[in-house]
Amino acid sequence: MDEVKYDGVFSFKYSPRPNTAASSMPDAIREEDKSRRLALLQEKQRLIQAETLQSFAGEIFEVHVDGKSKKENSWYGHSSCNRVISLNSIKADLLGQYVQARVTGCTPNSLLGEDIL
C-alpha cells in the first residue's frame, strides 16, 4: 500500500464463498485477528487517502457539476480525473455545467473547492 498508494480500497474480512475450494477448508485465523488486520489495513488506507487529497490543495480542476448541496452556494461534482469536489459558487445555476475550481481543502473522502469566476 505504501508503494502503490491506492486512491481507495474495498476491504473486508475473509469469508469463504459457496462452491469454492476454500468453503470446505477450516478457518485457520481467529475472528479477532481478522478484525484487527482489517482495522490496520483500513487505517493505513485512510492515511494514504488523506495525504493524497491534501496534496491537491491549490490545484485547479475542470469540474462537471452533478448536483446542488443543501448548503447555500454549494455544489458538488467530479473533476476531469474523477475526484469528487464540493465547491462554493455565487453563480445561480451550475447544474450540468463545467466550471474551473481551485481546491481549497479536503474532507476524508473528497476535495473542497471554489468556483473560479
N, C-alpha and C. Protein backbone atom coordinates (compact mmCIF):
# COMPACT_ATOMS: atom_id res chain seq x y z
N MET A 1 0.82 -1.19 0.00
CA MET A 1 0.00 0.00 0.00
C MET A 1 0.86 1.25 0.00
N ASP A 2 1.97 1.21 0.74
CA ASP A 2 2.85 2.38 0.77
C ASP A 2 3.43 2.67 -0.60
N GLU A 3 3.75 1.63 -1.34
CA GLU A 3 4.37 1.80 -2.65
C GLU A 3 3.36 2.24 -3.71
N VAL A 4 2.21 1.62 -3.73
CA VAL A 4 1.22 1.88 -4.77
C VAL A 4 0.38 3.12 -4.47
N LYS A 5 0.05 3.35 -3.21
CA LYS A 5 -0.77 4.49 -2.77
C LYS A 5 -2.12 4.52 -3.51
N TYR A 6 -2.90 3.48 -3.28
CA TYR A 6 -4.22 3.38 -3.90
C TYR A 6 -5.10 4.57 -3.53
N ASP A 7 -5.95 4.99 -4.47
CA ASP A 7 -6.93 6.04 -4.17
C ASP A 7 -7.96 5.55 -3.17
N GLY A 8 -8.28 4.29 -3.24
CA GLY A 8 -9.26 3.71 -2.33
C GLY A 8 -9.20 2.20 -2.42
N VAL A 9 -9.70 1.53 -1.41
CA VAL A 9 -9.76 0.07 -1.41
C VAL A 9 -11.12 -0.36 -0.87
N PHE A 10 -11.58 -1.49 -1.35
CA PHE A 10 -12.76 -2.14 -0.80
C PHE A 10 -12.25 -3.34 -0.04
N SER A 11 -12.20 -3.25 1.26
CA SER A 11 -11.58 -4.30 2.06
C SER A 11 -12.59 -4.88 3.06
N PHE A 12 -12.53 -6.18 3.20
CA PHE A 12 -13.45 -6.90 4.07
C PHE A 12 -12.71 -8.05 4.73
N LYS A 13 -13.27 -8.54 5.82
CA LYS A 13 -12.73 -9.75 6.44
C LYS A 13 -12.98 -10.92 5.50
N TYR A 14 -12.06 -11.85 5.48
CA TYR A 14 -12.22 -13.03 4.63
C TYR A 14 -13.42 -13.84 5.10
N SER A 15 -14.19 -14.31 4.14
CA SER A 15 -15.23 -15.29 4.42
C SER A 15 -15.32 -16.23 3.23
N PRO A 16 -15.42 -17.53 3.48
CA PRO A 16 -15.46 -18.49 2.38
C PRO A 16 -16.71 -18.30 1.52
N ARG A 17 -16.58 -18.52 0.24
CA ARG A 17 -17.68 -18.40 -0.71
C ARG A 17 -18.17 -19.79 -1.10
N PRO A 18 -19.48 -19.94 -1.24
CA PRO A 18 -20.02 -21.25 -1.65
C PRO A 18 -19.42 -21.70 -2.99
N ASN A 19 -19.30 -23.01 -3.13
CA ASN A 19 -18.82 -23.64 -4.37
C ASN A 19 -17.37 -23.29 -4.71
N THR A 20 -16.59 -22.96 -3.70
CA THR A 20 -15.16 -22.74 -3.90
C THR A 20 -14.40 -23.75 -3.04
N ALA A 21 -13.15 -23.97 -3.37
CA ALA A 21 -12.33 -24.90 -2.58
C ALA A 21 -12.22 -24.43 -1.13
N ALA A 22 -12.16 -23.13 -0.93
CA ALA A 22 -12.00 -22.59 0.42
C ALA A 22 -13.22 -22.82 1.30
N SER A 23 -14.38 -23.04 0.70
CA SER A 23 -15.59 -23.20 1.51
C SER A 23 -15.56 -24.44 2.39
N SER A 24 -14.76 -25.41 2.03
CA SER A 24 -14.68 -26.64 2.83
C SER A 24 -13.44 -26.70 3.71
N MET A 25 -12.59 -25.68 3.64
CA MET A 25 -11.37 -25.67 4.45
C MET A 25 -11.65 -25.10 5.84
N PRO A 26 -10.92 -25.59 6.83
CA PRO A 26 -11.09 -25.00 8.16
C PRO A 26 -10.52 -23.58 8.18
N ASP A 27 -11.13 -22.72 8.96
CA ASP A 27 -10.66 -21.33 9.06
C ASP A 27 -9.52 -21.28 10.06
N ALA A 28 -8.32 -20.96 9.60
CA ALA A 28 -7.13 -21.00 10.45
C ALA A 28 -6.89 -19.69 11.20
N ILE A 29 -7.67 -18.66 10.92
CA ILE A 29 -7.43 -17.35 11.53
C ILE A 29 -8.61 -16.98 12.42
N ARG A 30 -8.29 -16.60 13.65
CA ARG A 30 -9.34 -16.22 14.61
C ARG A 30 -10.05 -14.95 14.14
N GLU A 31 -11.31 -14.83 14.49
CA GLU A 31 -12.13 -13.67 14.13
C GLU A 31 -11.51 -12.38 14.66
N GLU A 32 -10.94 -12.41 15.86
CA GLU A 32 -10.31 -11.23 16.44
C GLU A 32 -9.12 -10.76 15.60
N ASP A 33 -8.35 -11.73 15.10
CA ASP A 33 -7.21 -11.39 14.25
C ASP A 33 -7.66 -10.81 12.91
N LYS A 34 -8.73 -11.36 12.36
CA LYS A 34 -9.27 -10.81 11.12
C LYS A 34 -9.70 -9.35 11.31
N SER A 35 -10.39 -9.11 12.41
CA SER A 35 -10.86 -7.74 12.68
C SER A 35 -9.69 -6.78 12.88
N ARG A 36 -8.68 -7.23 13.61
CA ARG A 36 -7.51 -6.39 13.86
C ARG A 36 -6.76 -6.08 12.56
N ARG A 37 -6.55 -7.08 11.73
CA ARG A 37 -5.86 -6.90 10.45
C ARG A 37 -6.64 -5.96 9.53
N LEU A 38 -7.95 -6.12 9.48
CA LEU A 38 -8.77 -5.26 8.65
C LEU A 38 -8.69 -3.81 9.14
N ALA A 39 -8.75 -3.62 10.44
CA ALA A 39 -8.67 -2.26 11.00
C ALA A 39 -7.34 -1.61 10.66
N LEU A 40 -6.24 -2.36 10.75
CA LEU A 40 -4.92 -1.83 10.41
C LEU A 40 -4.85 -1.45 8.93
N LEU A 41 -5.36 -2.32 8.07
CA LEU A 41 -5.37 -2.06 6.64
C LEU A 41 -6.18 -0.81 6.31
N GLN A 42 -7.37 -0.70 6.88
CA GLN A 42 -8.23 0.43 6.58
C GLN A 42 -7.67 1.74 7.15
N GLU A 43 -7.03 1.69 8.29
CA GLU A 43 -6.41 2.91 8.84
C GLU A 43 -5.26 3.36 7.96
N LYS A 44 -4.47 2.41 7.48
CA LYS A 44 -3.36 2.73 6.57
C LYS A 44 -3.92 3.40 5.31
N GLN A 45 -5.01 2.88 4.78
CA GLN A 45 -5.61 3.47 3.58
C GLN A 45 -6.14 4.87 3.87
N ARG A 46 -6.75 5.09 5.04
CA ARG A 46 -7.24 6.44 5.39
C ARG A 46 -6.10 7.45 5.40
N LEU A 47 -4.95 7.05 5.93
CA LEU A 47 -3.79 7.96 5.97
C LEU A 47 -3.29 8.27 4.56
N ILE A 48 -3.20 7.25 3.72
CA ILE A 48 -2.76 7.44 2.33
C ILE A 48 -3.74 8.35 1.60
N GLN A 49 -5.03 8.10 1.77
CA GLN A 49 -6.05 8.89 1.09
C GLN A 49 -6.00 10.35 1.55
N ALA A 50 -5.85 10.58 2.84
CA ALA A 50 -5.76 11.95 3.36
C ALA A 50 -4.55 12.67 2.79
N GLU A 51 -3.42 11.99 2.74
CA GLU A 51 -2.20 12.58 2.18
C GLU A 51 -2.38 12.94 0.71
N THR A 52 -3.00 12.03 -0.04
CA THR A 52 -3.23 12.27 -1.46
C THR A 52 -4.17 13.45 -1.67
N LEU A 53 -5.29 13.48 -0.95
CA LEU A 53 -6.24 14.57 -1.13
C LEU A 53 -5.63 15.92 -0.72
N GLN A 54 -4.87 15.95 0.36
CA GLN A 54 -4.23 17.19 0.80
C GLN A 54 -3.23 17.70 -0.22
N SER A 55 -2.65 16.80 -0.99
CA SER A 55 -1.64 17.22 -1.98
C SER A 55 -2.26 18.02 -3.12
N PHE A 56 -3.58 18.01 -3.27
CA PHE A 56 -4.24 18.75 -4.34
C PHE A 56 -4.54 20.20 -3.97
N ALA A 57 -4.24 20.61 -2.76
CA ALA A 57 -4.52 21.99 -2.33
C ALA A 57 -3.89 22.99 -3.29
N GLY A 58 -4.70 23.94 -3.76
CA GLY A 58 -4.22 24.96 -4.68
C GLY A 58 -4.34 24.59 -6.15
N GLU A 59 -4.54 23.31 -6.44
CA GLU A 59 -4.67 22.86 -7.84
C GLU A 59 -5.99 23.36 -8.43
N ILE A 60 -6.02 23.49 -9.72
CA ILE A 60 -7.24 23.90 -10.43
C ILE A 60 -7.68 22.73 -11.32
N PHE A 61 -8.98 22.38 -11.21
CA PHE A 61 -9.55 21.29 -11.99
C PHE A 61 -10.79 21.76 -12.73
N GLU A 62 -11.03 21.15 -13.87
CA GLU A 62 -12.32 21.31 -14.53
C GLU A 62 -13.28 20.35 -13.83
N VAL A 63 -14.45 20.87 -13.44
CA VAL A 63 -15.40 20.07 -12.69
C VAL A 63 -16.74 20.06 -13.40
N HIS A 64 -17.29 18.87 -13.58
CA HIS A 64 -18.67 18.76 -14.07
C HIS A 64 -19.57 18.78 -12.85
N VAL A 65 -20.47 19.76 -12.77
CA VAL A 65 -21.34 19.92 -11.61
C VAL A 65 -22.50 18.93 -11.72
N ASP A 66 -22.54 18.01 -10.76
CA ASP A 66 -23.54 16.94 -10.75
C ASP A 66 -24.78 17.29 -9.95
N GLY A 67 -24.64 18.18 -8.96
CA GLY A 67 -25.79 18.47 -8.12
C GLY A 67 -25.58 19.64 -7.20
N LYS A 68 -26.67 20.03 -6.55
CA LYS A 68 -26.69 21.15 -5.60
C LYS A 68 -26.64 20.57 -4.19
N SER A 69 -25.80 21.11 -3.35
CA SER A 69 -25.75 20.72 -1.95
C SER A 69 -26.85 21.43 -1.17
N LYS A 70 -27.10 20.96 0.02
CA LYS A 70 -28.10 21.60 0.88
C LYS A 70 -27.66 22.98 1.35
N LYS A 71 -26.35 23.15 1.48
CA LYS A 71 -25.83 24.44 1.92
C LYS A 71 -25.96 25.48 0.81
N GLU A 72 -26.18 26.70 1.21
CA GLU A 72 -26.32 27.80 0.25
C GLU A 72 -25.02 27.99 -0.53
N ASN A 73 -25.14 28.26 -1.83
CA ASN A 73 -24.00 28.50 -2.73
C ASN A 73 -23.02 27.33 -2.77
N SER A 74 -23.53 26.12 -2.59
CA SER A 74 -22.66 24.96 -2.55
C SER A 74 -23.14 23.90 -3.54
N TRP A 75 -22.20 23.37 -4.30
CA TRP A 75 -22.46 22.38 -5.35
C TRP A 75 -21.48 21.24 -5.20
N TYR A 76 -21.72 20.15 -5.92
CA TYR A 76 -20.75 19.06 -5.95
C TYR A 76 -20.65 18.51 -7.36
N GLY A 77 -19.51 17.93 -7.66
CA GLY A 77 -19.30 17.36 -8.98
C GLY A 77 -18.05 16.52 -9.01
N HIS A 78 -17.65 16.18 -10.22
CA HIS A 78 -16.46 15.35 -10.42
C HIS A 78 -15.46 16.09 -11.29
N SER A 79 -14.21 15.99 -10.91
CA SER A 79 -13.14 16.60 -11.69
C SER A 79 -12.87 15.76 -12.92
N SER A 80 -12.05 16.28 -13.81
CA SER A 80 -11.67 15.54 -15.01
C SER A 80 -10.88 14.28 -14.69
N CYS A 81 -10.36 14.19 -13.48
CA CYS A 81 -9.67 12.96 -13.06
C CYS A 81 -10.53 12.16 -12.07
N ASN A 82 -11.85 12.42 -12.11
CA ASN A 82 -12.87 11.68 -11.37
C ASN A 82 -12.78 11.83 -9.85
N ARG A 83 -12.28 12.93 -9.38
CA ARG A 83 -12.29 13.21 -7.94
C ARG A 83 -13.57 13.97 -7.60
N VAL A 84 -14.20 13.60 -6.49
CA VAL A 84 -15.39 14.32 -6.03
C VAL A 84 -14.95 15.64 -5.43
N ILE A 85 -15.60 16.72 -5.86
CA ILE A 85 -15.28 18.05 -5.35
C ILE A 85 -16.57 18.74 -4.92
N SER A 86 -16.60 19.22 -3.68
CA SER A 86 -17.68 20.09 -3.20
C SER A 86 -17.17 21.50 -3.38
N LEU A 87 -17.97 22.33 -4.06
CA LEU A 87 -17.45 23.66 -4.34
C LEU A 87 -18.46 24.74 -4.03
N ASN A 88 -17.93 25.89 -3.66
CA ASN A 88 -18.73 27.08 -3.40
C ASN A 88 -18.72 27.96 -4.65
N SER A 89 -19.89 28.52 -4.94
CA SER A 89 -20.01 29.42 -6.07
C SER A 89 -21.20 30.34 -5.86
N ILE A 90 -21.05 31.59 -6.24
CA ILE A 90 -22.17 32.53 -6.12
C ILE A 90 -23.03 32.50 -7.38
N LYS A 91 -22.64 31.71 -8.37
CA LYS A 91 -23.44 31.60 -9.59
C LYS A 91 -24.75 30.88 -9.26
N ALA A 92 -25.82 31.28 -9.96
CA ALA A 92 -27.17 30.82 -9.64
C ALA A 92 -27.41 29.35 -9.96
N ASP A 93 -27.08 28.89 -11.14
CA ASP A 93 -27.40 27.51 -11.51
C ASP A 93 -26.24 26.88 -12.28
N LEU A 94 -25.53 26.01 -11.59
CA LEU A 94 -24.37 25.36 -12.21
C LEU A 94 -24.65 23.93 -12.64
N LEU A 95 -25.83 23.41 -12.33
CA LEU A 95 -26.13 22.02 -12.61
C LEU A 95 -25.87 21.67 -14.07
N GLY A 96 -25.04 20.64 -14.28
CA GLY A 96 -24.73 20.16 -15.62
C GLY A 96 -23.63 20.94 -16.32
N GLN A 97 -23.15 22.00 -15.72
CA GLN A 97 -22.11 22.82 -16.35
C GLN A 97 -20.71 22.33 -15.96
N TYR A 98 -19.75 22.75 -16.75
CA TYR A 98 -18.34 22.54 -16.42
C TYR A 98 -17.81 23.86 -15.91
N VAL A 99 -17.11 23.81 -14.77
CA VAL A 99 -16.53 25.02 -14.19
C VAL A 99 -15.08 24.75 -13.82
N GLN A 100 -14.31 25.80 -13.71
CA GLN A 100 -12.95 25.71 -13.20
C GLN A 100 -13.01 25.91 -11.69
N ALA A 101 -12.40 25.01 -10.94
CA ALA A 101 -12.44 25.10 -9.48
C ALA A 101 -11.04 24.95 -8.90
N ARG A 102 -10.76 25.79 -7.92
CA ARG A 102 -9.49 25.71 -7.19
C ARG A 102 -9.73 24.94 -5.90
N VAL A 103 -8.88 23.95 -5.63
CA VAL A 103 -9.00 23.14 -4.43
C VAL A 103 -8.53 23.97 -3.23
N THR A 104 -9.40 24.04 -2.22
CA THR A 104 -9.10 24.82 -1.01
C THR A 104 -8.88 23.94 0.22
N GLY A 105 -9.21 22.67 0.11
CA GLY A 105 -9.07 21.78 1.25
C GLY A 105 -9.64 20.42 0.91
N CYS A 106 -9.88 19.62 1.95
CA CYS A 106 -10.44 18.29 1.70
C CYS A 106 -11.17 17.78 2.94
N THR A 107 -12.01 16.80 2.71
CA THR A 107 -12.63 16.02 3.77
C THR A 107 -11.97 14.65 3.71
N PRO A 108 -12.36 13.71 4.54
CA PRO A 108 -11.73 12.39 4.44
C PRO A 108 -11.92 11.70 3.09
N ASN A 109 -13.00 12.06 2.35
CA ASN A 109 -13.28 11.35 1.11
C ASN A 109 -13.39 12.21 -0.14
N SER A 110 -13.29 13.51 -0.01
CA SER A 110 -13.46 14.36 -1.19
C SER A 110 -12.68 15.65 -1.04
N LEU A 111 -12.67 16.40 -2.14
CA LEU A 111 -11.99 17.69 -2.15
C LEU A 111 -13.00 18.82 -1.92
N LEU A 112 -12.52 19.92 -1.40
CA LEU A 112 -13.29 21.14 -1.26
C LEU A 112 -12.71 22.16 -2.21
N GLY A 113 -13.55 22.97 -2.80
CA GLY A 113 -13.04 23.93 -3.75
C GLY A 113 -13.94 25.14 -3.89
N GLU A 114 -13.47 26.04 -4.72
CA GLU A 114 -14.25 27.24 -5.04
C GLU A 114 -14.24 27.46 -6.53
N ASP A 115 -15.38 27.90 -7.03
CA ASP A 115 -15.52 28.20 -8.44
C ASP A 115 -14.65 29.41 -8.75
N ILE A 116 -13.86 29.31 -9.80
CA ILE A 116 -13.05 30.44 -10.23
C ILE A 116 -13.89 31.24 -11.22
N LEU A 117 -14.30 32.40 -10.81
CA LEU A 117 -15.22 33.20 -11.64
C LEU A 117 -14.56 33.76 -12.86
